Amino acid sequence: MTTTVAHGEATDSPYALSHLDALESEAVHIFREVAGEFERPVVLFSGGKDSIVMLHLALKAFAPAAVPFALLHVDTGHNFPEVLEFRDRTVAEHSLRLHVANVQDYIDDGRLRERADGTRNPLQTVPLTDAIRELRFDAVFGGGRRDEEKARAKERVFSLRDEFSQWDPRRQRPELWSLYNGRHAPGEHVRVFPLSNWTELDVWQYIAREHIALPEIYFAHEREVFKRSGMWLTAGEWGGPKDGESVENRLVRYRTVGDMSCTGAVDSDATTLDAVIAEIAASRLTERGATRADDKLSEAAMEDRKREGYF
């Protein structure tokens, strides 16, 4: 007998887990494993879709109790207002604790300098690592997925970072049979990726199945944008548009959200979850490959940032 479930999933047994159920079960197990192994975990939460799904899984993992972790966001100062508003509303709705590390504070006191291109995403590393050290977090949940970018494809679910928050691929441990080793020396910590084995399509299908709310920026809407390096960017105080870059009003949506200076929109008329899922299923470019300029700075841009302490 075949049992059909949401979004075309099918199993040969009524007792078998569907694809999304298996991913959810793995993520819930990871959250509970961290809760049992570490003293001060924290969840990175930006208000983007992956962190929203991650928080939803954490809420499921510990229900009916409260999530036993705080949240952390590194605010570049150039984040999309719609996303920040959604972040704050979600935190209030679930009575969560949110720590915010502001890149602007580091620029104001001279610890960081603005980049010539106006992009602040690469500036997130120092505020992030400082917050981890100062607040003594020993496990940090991130929403990174292996399908996003080749450097992230190398990640373990438990990614050991040294006392400087740096990533060394030679020190990563095997994770046979889903056994996770959280051992770390004083000053070190572990980055944890519950969505490692998910794809962008999995995330959207899960959002549809679970009726998870998202910022409207993820759906098609009219927006004033200009073209740079093949991407539609939103004008803002970060330094765009420049001479020769004309602003157009277009129907677009965002596949991923980050610093406005390096996150591009895509032409889209997908205003519903089903339309977005159909669009993602037909795409041949990853979301970061299509819309994130900070990953195009060099062939090894993401891996270089990971080595410095970024996710």
C-alpha atoms as a PDB file:
ATOM      1  CA  MET A   1       0.000   0.000   0.000  1.00  0.00           C
ATOM      2  CA  THR A   2       1.265   3.479  -0.844  1.00  0.00           C
ATOM      3  CA  THR A   3       0.412   6.395   1.401  1.00  0.00           C
ATOM      4  CA  THR A   4       0.497   9.822  -0.243  1.00  0.00           C
ATOM      5  CA  VAL A   5       1.316  12.871   1.853  1.00  0.00           C
ATOM      6  CA  ALA A   6       1.595  16.637   1.292  1.00  0.00           C
ATOM      7  CA  HIS A   7       3.393  18.066  -1.747  1.00  0.00           C
ATOM      8  CA  GLY A   8       3.689  14.829  -3.667  1.00  0.00           C
ATOM      9  CA  GLU A   9       5.628  12.829  -1.052  1.00  0.00           C
ATOM     10  CA  ALA A  10       4.823   9.150  -0.990  1.00  0.00           C
ATOM     11  CA  THR A  11       5.896   6.206   1.159  1.00  0.00           C
ATOM     12  CA  ASP A  12       5.511   2.446   0.627  1.00  0.00           C
ATOM     13  CA  SER A  13       4.391   1.894   4.199  1.00  0.00           C
ATOM     14  CA  PRO A  14       1.926   3.721   6.413  1.00  0.00           C
ATOM     15  CA  TYR A  15       4.593   3.528   9.140  1.00  0.00           C
ATOM     16  CA  ALA A  16       7.450   5.066   7.135  1.00  0.00           C
ATOM     17  CA  LEU A  17       8.460   8.688   7.608  1.00  0.00           C
ATOM     18  CA  SER A  18       7.964  11.021   4.684  1.00  0.00           C
ATOM     19  CA  HIS A  19      10.986  12.944   3.357  1.00  0.00           C
ATOM     20  CA  LEU A  20      10.050  16.097   5.271  1.00  0.00           C
ATOM     21  CA  ASP A  21       9.234  14.134   8.418  1.00  0.00           C
ATOM     22  CA  ALA A  22      12.682  12.536   8.297  1.00  0.00           C
ATOM     23  CA  LEU A  23      14.378  15.925   7.953  1.00  0.00           C
ATOM     24  CA  GLU A  24      12.271  17.354  10.765  1.00  0.00           C
ATOM     25  CA  SER A  25      13.049  14.382  13.017  1.00  0.00           C
ATOM     26  CA  GLU A  26      16.786  14.765  12.382  1.00  0.00           C
ATOM     27  CA  ALA A  27      16.695  18.495  13.177  1.00  0.00           C
ATOM     28  CA  VAL A  28      14.660  17.977  16.351  1.00  0.00           C
ATOM     29  CA  HIS A  29      17.158  15.317  17.466  1.00  0.00           C
ATOM     30  CA  ILE A  30      20.033  17.765  16.862  1.00  0.00           C
ATOM     31  CA  PHE A  31      18.369  20.475  18.974  1.00  0.00           C
ATOM     32  CA  ARG A  32      17.785  18.048  21.833  1.00  0.00           C
ATOM     33  CA  GLU A  33      21.314  16.664  21.559  1.00  0.00           C
ATOM     34  CA  VAL A  34      22.768  20.160  21.909  1.00  0.00           C
ATOM     35  CA  ALA A  35      20.504  20.899  24.877  1.00  0.00           C
ATOM     36  CA  GLY A  36      21.893  17.813  26.586  1.00  0.00           C
ATOM     37  CA  GLU A  37      25.579  18.376  25.756  1.00  0.00           C
ATOM     38  CA  PHE A  38      26.153  22.133  26.042  1.00  0.00           C
ATOM     39  CA  GLU A  39      25.730  24.751  28.756  1.00  0.00           C
ATOM     40  CA  ARG A  40      25.038  27.972  26.811  1.00  0.00           C
ATOM     41  CA  PRO A  41      23.701  27.405  23.290  1.00  0.00           C
ATOM     42  CA  VAL A  42      22.312  30.238  21.174  1.00  0.00           C
ATOM     43  CA  VAL A  43      20.292  30.333  17.942  1.00  0.00           C
ATOM     44  CA  LEU A  44      21.272  32.764  15.188  1.00  0.00           C
ATOM     45  CA  PHE A  45      18.036  34.470  14.160  1.00  0.00           C
ATOM     46  CA  SER A  46      17.854  37.147  11.477  1.00  0.00           C
ATOM     47  CA  GLY A  47      14.206  36.909  10.415  1.00  0.00           C
ATOM     48  CA  GLY A  48      15.235  35.170   7.189  1.00  0.00           C
ATOM     49  CA  LYS A  49      13.455  32.011   6.057  1.00  0.00           C
ATOM     50  CA  ASP A  50      16.115  29.511   7.177  1.00  0.00           C
ATOM     51  CA  SER A  51      16.364  30.989  10.670  1.00  0.00           C
ATOM     52  CA  ILE A  52      12.553  31.099  10.851  1.00  0.00           C
ATOM     53  CA  VAL A  53      12.349  27.390   9.994  1.00  0.00           C
ATOM     54  CA  MET A  54      15.135  26.682  12.487  1.00  0.00           C
ATOM     55  CA  LEU A  55      13.232  28.493  15.247  1.00  0.00           C
ATOM     56  CA  HIS A  56      10.039  26.629  14.324  1.00  0.00           C
ATOM     57  CA  LEU A  57      11.927  23.336  14.728  1.00  0.00           C
ATOM     58  CA  ALA A  58      13.338  24.456  18.083  1.00  0.00           C
ATOM     59  CA  LEU A  59       9.838  25.329  19.305  1.00  0.00           C
ATOM     60  CA  LYS A  60       8.674  21.854  18.249  1.00  0.00           C
ATOM     61  CA  ALA A  61      11.672  20.157  19.840  1.00  0.00           C
ATOM     62  CA  PHE A  62      10.937  21.481  23.322  1.00  0.00           C
ATOM     63  CA  ALA A  63       7.160  21.976  23.322  1.00  0.00           C
ATOM     64  CA  PRO A  64       5.273  22.429  25.566  1.00  0.00           C
ATOM     65  CA  ALA A  65       8.272  23.926  27.396  1.00  0.00           C
ATOM     66  CA  ALA A  66       9.922  27.139  26.256  1.00  0.00           C
ATOM     67  CA  VAL A  67      12.947  27.092  23.970  1.00  0.00           C
ATOM     68  CA  PRO A  68      15.928  26.875  26.370  1.00  0.00           C
ATOM     69  CA  PHE A  69      18.166  29.022  24.176  1.00  0.00           C
ATOM     70  CA  ALA A  70      18.587  32.740  23.566  1.00  0.00           C
ATOM     71  CA  LEU A  71      18.661  34.211  20.042  1.00  0.00           C
ATOM     72  CA  LEU A  72      21.483  36.227  18.470  1.00  0.00           C
ATOM     73  CA  HIS A  73      21.431  38.507  15.432  1.00  0.00           C
ATOM     74  CA  VAL A  74      24.336  40.384  13.878  1.00  0.00           C
ATOM     75  CA  ASP A  75      22.674  43.508  12.461  1.00  0.00           C
ATOM     76  CA  THR A  76      24.681  45.092   9.653  1.00  0.00           C
ATOM     77  CA  GLY A  77      22.672  48.310   9.789  1.00  0.00           C
ATOM     78  CA  HIS A  78      21.695  47.678   6.164  1.00  0.00           C
ATOM     79  CA  ASN A  79      19.156  44.918   6.762  1.00  0.00           C
ATOM     80  CA  PHE A  80      15.761  45.030   5.104  1.00  0.00           C
ATOM     81  CA  PRO A  81      13.295  46.876   7.385  1.00  0.00           C
ATOM     82  CA  GLU A  82      10.561  44.332   6.610  1.00  0.00           C
ATOM     83  CA  VAL A  83      12.766  41.526   7.890  1.00  0.00           C
ATOM     84  CA  LEU A  84      13.798  43.335  11.072  1.00  0.00           C
ATOM     85  CA  GLU A  85      10.156  44.100  11.845  1.00  0.00           C
ATOM     86  CA  PHE A  86       9.300  40.415  11.394  1.00  0.00           C
ATOM     87  CA  ARG A  87      12.259  39.428  13.613  1.00  0.00           C
ATOM     88  CA  ASP A  88      11.101  41.644  16.469  1.00  0.00           C
ATOM     89  CA  ARG A  89       7.479  40.559  16.148  1.00  0.00           C
ATOM     90  CA  THR A  90       8.454  36.883  16.285  1.00  0.00           C
ATOM     91  CA  VAL A  91      10.671  37.386  19.328  1.00  0.00           C
ATOM     92  CA  ALA A  92       7.827  39.133  21.157  1.00  0.00           C
ATOM     93  CA  GLU A  93       5.255  36.517  20.114  1.00  0.00           C
ATOM     94  CA  HIS A  94       7.250  33.661  21.641  1.00  0.00           C
ATOM     95  CA  SER A  95       8.685  35.626  24.619  1.00  0.00           C
ATOM     96  CA  LEU A  96      12.260  34.928  23.522  1.00  0.00           C
ATOM     97  CA  ARG A  97      15.518  36.655  24.501  1.00  0.00           C
ATOM     98  CA  LEU A  98      17.297  38.350  21.598  1.00  0.00           C
ATOM     99  CA  HIS A  99      20.884  39.610  21.666  1.00  0.00           C
ATOM    100  CA  VAL A 100      21.787  42.012  18.850  1.00  0.00           C
ATOM    101  CA  ALA A 101      25.381  42.726  17.837  1.00  0.00           C
ATOM    102  CA  ASN A 102      25.452  45.905  15.740  1.00  0.00           C
ATOM    103  CA  VAL A 103      28.051  46.398  13.011  1.00  0.00           C
ATOM    104  CA  GLN A 104      27.319  50.141  13.177  1.00  0.00           C
ATOM    105  CA  ASP A 105      28.631  50.262  16.766  1.00  0.00           C
ATOM    106  CA  TYR A 106      31.950  48.845  15.585  1.00  0.00           C
ATOM    107  CA  ILE A 107      32.174  51.378  12.762  1.00  0.00           C
ATOM    108  CA  ASP A 108      31.305  54.275  15.073  1.00  0.00           C
ATOM    109  CA  ASP A 109      34.075  53.470  17.568  1.00  0.00           C
ATOM    110  CA  GLY A 110      36.694  52.610  14.951  1.00  0.00           C
ATOM    111  CA  ARG A 111      36.933  48.867  15.481  1.00  0.00           C
ATOM    112  CA  LEU A 112      35.744  48.354  11.880  1.00  0.00           C
ATOM    113  CA  ARG A 113      35.916  50.461   8.740  1.00  0.00           C
ATOM    114  CA  GLU A 114      33.340  50.794   5.994  1.00  0.00           C
ATOM    115  CA  ARG A 115      34.261  48.964   2.817  1.00  0.00           C
ATOM    116  CA  ALA A 116      34.636  50.938  -0.401  1.00  0.00           C
ATOM    117  CA  ASP A 117      31.800  48.959  -1.999  1.00  0.00           C
ATOM    118  CA  GLY A 118      29.438  49.701   0.916  1.00  0.00           C
ATOM    119  CA  THR A 119      28.899  45.998   1.618  1.00  0.00           C
ATOM    120  CA  ARG A 120      28.749  45.149   5.309  1.00  0.00           C
ATOM    121  CA  ASN A 121      28.176  41.393   5.167  1.00  0.00           C
ATOM    122  CA  PRO A 122      31.939  40.672   5.419  1.00  0.00           C
ATOM    123  CA  LEU A 123      32.033  42.968   8.481  1.00  0.00           C
ATOM    124  CA  GLN A 124      29.758  40.669  10.500  1.00  0.00           C
ATOM    125  CA  THR A 125      32.552  38.318  11.569  1.00  0.00           C
ATOM    126  CA  VAL A 126      34.094  40.458  14.341  1.00  0.00           C
ATOM    127  CA  PRO A 127      30.775  41.398  16.055  1.00  0.00           C
ATOM    128  CA  LEU A 128      29.688  37.755  15.826  1.00  0.00           C
ATOM    129  CA  THR A 129      32.849  36.305  17.335  1.00  0.00           C
ATOM    130  CA  ASP A 130      32.954  39.017  20.010  1.00  0.00           C
ATOM    131  CA  ALA A 131      29.360  38.255  21.025  1.00  0.00           C
ATOM    132  CA  ILE A 132      30.070  34.528  21.217  1.00  0.00           C
ATOM    133  CA  ARG A 133      33.102  35.132  23.428  1.00  0.00           C
ATOM    134  CA  GLU A 134      31.609  37.828  25.658  1.00  0.00           C
ATOM    135  CA  LEU A 135      28.321  36.000  26.221  1.00  0.00           C
ATOM    136  CA  ARG A 136      30.161  32.673  26.622  1.00  0.00           C
ATOM    137  CA  PHE A 137      28.093  30.723  24.092  1.00  0.00           C
ATOM    138  CA  ASP A 138      29.482  27.219  23.615  1.00  0.00           C
ATOM    139  CA  ALA A 139      27.147  26.084  20.824  1.00  0.00           C
ATOM    140  CA  VAL A 140      25.797  28.374  18.094  1.00  0.00           C
ATOM    141  CA  PHE A 141      22.964  27.191  15.837  1.00  0.00           C
ATOM    142  CA  GLY A 142      23.102  28.437  12.250  1.00  0.00           C
ATOM    143  CA  GLY A 143      20.713  27.931   9.337  1.00  0.00           C
ATOM    144  CA  GLY A 144      23.404  27.026   6.784  1.00  0.00           C
ATOM    145  CA  ARG A 145      22.596  24.245   4.329  1.00  0.00           C
ATOM    146  CA  ARG A 146      25.018  22.151   2.279  1.00  0.00           C
ATOM    147  CA  ASP A 147      23.224  22.904  -0.985  1.00  0.00           C
ATOM    148  CA  GLU A 148      23.817  26.665  -0.678  1.00  0.00           C
ATOM    149  CA  GLU A 149      27.504  26.944  -1.498  1.00  0.00           C
ATOM    150  CA  LYS A 150      30.502  24.649  -2.017  1.00  0.00           C
ATOM    151  CA  ALA A 151      32.249  25.744   1.203  1.00  0.00           C
ATOM    152  CA  ARG A 152      29.110  24.963   3.202  1.00  0.00           C
ATOM    153  CA  ALA A 153      28.926  21.558   1.534  1.00  0.00           C
ATOM    154  CA  LYS A 154      32.076  20.635   3.500  1.00  0.00           C
ATOM    155  CA  GLU A 155      30.495  21.361   6.879  1.00  0.00           C
ATOM    156  CA  ARG A 156      29.696  18.792   9.521  1.00  0.00           C
ATOM    157  CA  VAL A 157      26.483  19.182  11.515  1.00  0.00           C
ATOM    158  CA  PHE A 158      28.684  19.891  14.561  1.00  0.00           C
ATOM    159  CA  SER A 159      31.445  22.218  13.308  1.00  0.00           C
ATOM    160  CA  LEU A 160      34.245  22.782  15.808  1.00  0.00           C
ATOM    161  CA  ARG A 161      35.680  26.310  16.055  1.00  0.00           C
ATOM    162  CA  ASP A 162      38.871  27.211  17.908  1.00  0.00           C
ATOM    163  CA  GLU A 163      39.331  29.912  20.565  1.00  0.00           C
ATOM    164  CA  PHE A 164      39.462  32.515  17.771  1.00  0.00           C
ATOM    165  CA  SER A 165      36.199  31.165  16.235  1.00  0.00           C
ATOM    166  CA  GLN A 166      38.171  29.958  13.213  1.00  0.00           C
ATOM    167  CA  TRP A 167      37.251  26.884  11.182  1.00  0.00           C
ATOM    168  CA  ASP A 168      39.891  24.279  10.366  1.00  0.00           C
ATOM    169  CA  PRO A 169      38.602  21.499   8.057  1.00  0.00           C
ATOM    170  CA  ARG A 170      41.308  19.146   9.359  1.00  0.00           C
ATOM    171  CA  ARG A 171      39.851  19.265  12.888  1.00  0.00           C
ATOM    172  CA  GLN A 172      36.306  18.322  11.930  1.00  0.00           C
ATOM    173  CA  ARG A 173      35.037  15.013  13.271  1.00  0.00           C
ATOM    174  CA  PRO A 174      33.302  12.149  11.441  1.00  0.00           C
ATOM    175  CA  GLU A 175      29.557  11.882  12.102  1.00  0.00           C
ATOM    176  CA  LEU A 176      28.880   8.237  11.311  1.00  0.00           C
ATOM    177  CA  TRP A 177      25.393   6.968  12.181  1.00  0.00           C
ATOM    178  CA  SER A 178      24.371  10.521  13.167  1.00  0.00           C
ATOM    179  CA  LEU A 179      26.583  10.463  16.250  1.00  0.00           C
ATOM    180  CA  TYR A 180      27.658  14.009  17.117  1.00  0.00           C
ATOM    181  CA  ASN A 181      30.771  14.842  19.107  1.00  0.00           C
ATOM    182  CA  GLY A 182      30.375  18.082  21.032  1.00  0.00           C
ATOM    183  CA  ARG A 183      33.682  17.860  22.896  1.00  0.00           C
ATOM    184  CA  HIS A 184      35.568  21.160  22.913  1.00  0.00           C
ATOM    185  CA  ALA A 185      38.342  22.803  24.921  1.00  0.00           C
ATOM    186  CA  PRO A 186      37.782  25.923  27.061  1.00  0.00           C
ATOM    187  CA  GLY A 187      37.400  28.936  24.766  1.00  0.00           C
ATOM    188  CA  GLU A 188      36.357  26.808  21.794  1.00  0.00           C
ATOM    189  CA  HIS A 189      32.777  26.370  20.667  1.00  0.00           C
ATOM    190  CA  VAL A 190      30.739  24.387  18.175  1.00  0.00           C
ATOM    191  CA  ARG A 191      28.649  25.743  15.315  1.00  0.00           C
ATOM    192  CA  VAL A 192      25.591  23.545  14.796  1.00  0.00           C
ATOM    193  CA  PHE A 193      23.649  23.228  11.531  1.00  0.00           C
ATOM    194  CA  PRO A 194      20.281  21.441  11.956  1.00  0.00           C
ATOM    195  CA  LEU A 195      19.315  22.197   8.330  1.00  0.00           C
ATOM    196  CA  SER A 196      22.529  20.805   6.809  1.00  0.00           C
ATOM    197  CA  ASN A 197      20.766  18.091   4.826  1.00  0.00           C
ATOM    198  CA  TRP A 198      17.871  20.272   3.685  1.00  0.00           C
ATOM    199  CA  THR A 199      17.626  21.876   0.251  1.00  0.00           C
ATOM    200  CA  GLU A 200      16.016  25.196  -0.610  1.00  0.00           C
ATOM    201  CA  LEU A 201      13.063  23.252  -2.008  1.00  0.00           C
ATOM    202  CA  ASP A 202      12.769  21.232   1.225  1.00  0.00           C
ATOM    203  CA  VAL A 203      12.655  24.473   3.221  1.00  0.00           C
ATOM    204  CA  TRP A 204       9.838  25.895   1.118  1.00  0.00           C
ATOM    205  CA  GLN A 205       7.841  22.661   1.120  1.00  0.00           C
ATOM    206  CA  TYR A 206       8.189  22.499   4.895  1.00  0.00           C
ATOM    207  CA  ILE A 207       7.082  26.129   5.235  1.00  0.00           C
ATOM    208  CA  ALA A 208       3.985  25.280   3.194  1.00  0.00           C
ATOM    209  CA  ARG A 209       3.240  22.125   5.169  1.00  0.00           C
ATOM    210  CA  GLU A 210       3.671  23.782   8.552  1.00  0.00           C
ATOM    211  CA  HIS A 211       1.944  27.058   7.575  1.00  0.00           C
ATOM    212  CA  ILE A 212       4.971  29.065   8.742  1.00  0.00           C
ATOM    213  CA  ALA A 213       4.681  32.838   8.393  1.00  0.00           C
ATOM    214  CA  LEU A 214       7.407  34.709   6.482  1.00  0.00           C
ATOM    215  CA  PRO A 215       8.247  38.337   5.708  1.00  0.00           C
ATOM    216  CA  GLU A 216       6.365  39.459   2.595  1.00  0.00           C
ATOM    217  CA  ILE A 217       9.700  40.226   0.919  1.00  0.00           C
ATOM    218  CA  TYR A 218       9.926  36.519  -0.042  1.00  0.00           C
ATOM    219  CA  PHE A 219       6.904  36.856  -2.328  1.00  0.00           C
ATOM    220  CA  ALA A 220       6.520  38.851  -5.536  1.00  0.00           C
ATOM    221  CA  HIS A 221       5.929  42.561  -4.975  1.00  0.00           C
ATOM    222  CA  GLU A 222       6.558  45.877  -6.721  1.00  0.00           C
ATOM    223  CA  ARG A 223       9.913  47.371  -5.733  1.00  0.00           C
ATOM    224  CA  GLU A 224      12.248  50.085  -6.972  1.00  0.00           C
ATOM    225  CA  VAL A 225      15.513  48.392  -7.915  1.00  0.00           C
ATOM    226  CA  PHE A 226      18.577  48.998 -10.056  1.00  0.00           C
ATOM    227  CA  LYS A 227      20.875  46.574 -11.844  1.00  0.00           C
ATOM    228  CA  ARG A 228      24.466  45.937 -10.760  1.00  0.00           C
ATOM    229  CA  SER A 229      26.632  42.923 -11.612  1.00  0.00           C
ATOM    230  CA  GLY A 230      23.609  41.153 -13.060  1.00  0.00           C
ATOM    231  CA  MET A 231      21.482  41.552  -9.910  1.00  0.00           C
ATOM    232  CA  TRP A 232      18.525  43.736  -8.971  1.00  0.00           C
ATOM    233  CA  LEU A 233      19.513  45.666  -5.843  1.00  0.00           C
ATOM    234  CA  THR A 234      17.458  47.938  -3.594  1.00  0.00           C
ATOM    235  CA  ALA A 235      18.556  51.567  -3.365  1.00  0.00           C
ATOM    236  CA  GLY A 236      19.694  52.703   0.059  1.00  0.00           C
ATOM    237  CA  GLU A 237      22.140  54.632   2.206  1.00  0.00           C
ATOM    238  CA  TRP A 238      24.746  51.935   1.663  1.00  0.00           C
ATOM    239  CA  GLY A 239      25.806  53.487  -1.659  1.00  0.00           C
ATOM    240  CA  GLY A 240      23.461  52.675  -4.472  1.00  0.00           C
ATOM    241  CA  PRO A 241      22.610  53.495  -7.146  1.00  0.00           C
ATOM    242  CA  LYS A 242      25.711  55.091  -8.644  1.00  0.00           C
ATOM    243  CA  ASP A 243      25.971  57.270 -11.724  1.00  0.00           C
ATOM    244  CA  GLY A 244      24.716  55.362 -14.740  1.00  0.00           C
ATOM    245  CA  GLU A 245      22.590  52.964 -12.663  1.00  0.00           C
ATOM    246  CA  SER A 246      18.947  53.729 -13.278  1.00  0.00           C
ATOM    247  CA  VAL A 247      16.168  52.823 -10.877  1.00  0.00           C
ATOM    248  CA  GLU A 248      13.263  50.760 -12.211  1.00  0.00           C
ATOM    249  CA  ASN A 249       9.995  49.634 -10.693  1.00  0.00           C
ATOM    250  CA  ARG A 250       9.814  45.864 -11.125  1.00  0.00           C
ATOM    251  CA  LEU A 251       7.878  42.854  -9.886  1.00  0.00           C
ATOM    252  CA  VAL A 252      10.464  40.936  -7.852  1.00  0.00           C
ATOM    253  CA  ARG A 253      10.942  38.744  -4.814  1.00  0.00           C
ATOM    254  CA  TYR A 254      13.898  37.661  -2.673  1.00  0.00           C
ATOM    255  CA  ARG A 255      15.159  34.086  -2.429  1.00  0.00           C
ATOM    256  CA  THR A 256      17.480  34.972   0.437  1.00  0.00           C
ATOM    257  CA  VAL A 257      17.843  38.088   2.573  1.00  0.00           C
ATOM    258  CA  GLY A 258      20.914  39.733   4.086  1.00  0.00           C
ATOM    259  CA  ASP A 259      22.683  43.052   3.737  1.00  0.00           C
ATOM    260  CA  MET A 260      20.798  45.170   1.171  1.00  0.00           C
ATOM    261  CA  SER A 261      24.069  46.084  -0.543  1.00  0.00           C
ATOM    262  CA  CYS A 262      24.796  42.520  -1.656  1.00  0.00           C
ATOM    263  CA  THR A 263      21.441  40.723  -1.736  1.00  0.00           C
ATOM    264  CA  GLY A 264      19.730  40.766  -5.100  1.00  0.00           C
ATOM    265  CA  ALA A 265      16.083  40.288  -5.956  1.00  0.00           C
ATOM    266  CA  VAL A 266      14.883  38.037  -8.771  1.00  0.00           C
ATOM    267  CA  ASP A 267      12.182  38.782 -11.325  1.00  0.00           C
ATOM    268  CA  SER A 268       9.150  36.817 -10.209  1.00  0.00           C
ATOM    269  CA  ASP A 269       5.371  36.784 -10.230  1.00  0.00           C
ATOM    270  CA  ALA A 270       5.207  34.138  -7.473  1.00  0.00           C
ATOM    271  CA  THR A 271       2.808  35.555  -4.883  1.00  0.00           C
ATOM    272  CA  THR A 272       1.850  32.244  -3.228  1.00  0.00           C
ATOM    273  CA  LEU A 273       3.734  29.380  -1.610  1.00  0.00           C
ATOM    274  CA  ASP A 274       2.777  26.972  -4.397  1.00  0.00           C
ATOM    275  CA  ALA A 275       4.060  29.410  -7.021  1.00  0.00           C
ATOM    276  CA  VAL A 276       7.354  29.896  -5.142  1.00  0.00           C
ATOM    277  CA  ILE A 277       7.797  26.113  -4.813  1.00  0.00           C
ATOM    278  CA  ALA A 278       7.208  25.645  -8.543  1.00  0.00           C
ATOM    279  CA  GLU A 279       9.713  28.419  -9.291  1.00  0.00           C
ATOM    280  CA  ILE A 280      12.392  26.905  -7.019  1.00  0.00           C
ATOM    281  CA  ALA A 281      11.844  23.426  -8.474  1.00  0.00           C
ATOM    282  CA  ALA A 282      12.574  24.779 -11.961  1.00  0.00           C
ATOM    283  CA  SER A 283      15.633  26.834 -10.943  1.00  0.00           C
ATOM    284  CA  ARG A 284      19.146  25.671 -11.863  1.00  0.00           C
ATOM    285  CA  LEU A 285      20.962  28.234  -9.697  1.00  0.00           C
ATOM    286  CA  THR A 286      21.345  28.077  -5.924  1.00  0.00           C
ATOM    287  CA  GLU A 287      19.855  30.984  -4.023  1.00  0.00           C
ATOM    288  CA  ARG A 288      23.263  32.320  -2.964  1.00  0.00           C
ATOM    289  CA  GLY A 289      24.769  31.784  -6.401  1.00  0.00           C
ATOM    290  CA  ALA A 290      21.954  33.748  -7.989  1.00  0.00           C
ATOM    291  CA  THR A 291      21.502  36.592  -5.530  1.00  0.00           C
ATOM    292  CA  ARG A 292      24.466  37.108  -3.173  1.00  0.00           C
ATOM    293  CA  ALA A 293      27.228  39.401  -4.394  1.00  0.00           C
ATOM    294  CA  ASP A 294      29.359  38.797  -1.290  1.00  0.00           C
ATOM    295  CA  ASP A 295      29.886  35.187  -2.394  1.00  0.00           C
ATOM    296  CA  LYS A 296      31.222  36.399  -5.762  1.00  0.00           C
ATOM    297  CA  LEU A 297      34.097  38.468  -4.397  1.00  0.00           C
ATOM    298  CA  SER A 298      36.398  35.519  -5.117  1.00  0.00           C
ATOM    299  CA  GLU A 299      36.194  31.777  -5.817  1.00  0.00           C
ATOM    300  CA  ALA A 300      36.874  31.083  -2.144  1.00  0.00           C
ATOM    301  CA  ALA A 301      34.972  34.018  -0.605  1.00  0.00           C
ATOM    302  CA  MET A 302      32.747  31.916   1.652  1.00  0.00           C
ATOM    303  CA  GLU A 303      35.523  29.565   2.726  1.00  0.00           C
ATOM    304  CA  ASP A 304      37.799  32.508   3.548  1.00  0.00           C
ATOM    305  CA  ARG A 305      35.086  34.017   5.762  1.00  0.00           C
ATOM    306  CA  LYS A 306      34.474  30.668   7.434  1.00  0.00           C
ATOM    307  CA  ARG A 307      38.146  30.391   8.314  1.00  0.00           C
ATOM    308  CA  GLU A 308      37.965  33.869   9.883  1.00  0.00           C
ATOM    309  CA  GLY A 309      35.004  32.949  12.055  1.00  0.00           C
ATOM    310  CA  TYR A 310      31.942  33.567   9.868  1.00  0.00           C
ATOM    311  CA  PHE A 311      29.331  30.858   9.310  1.00  0.00           C
END
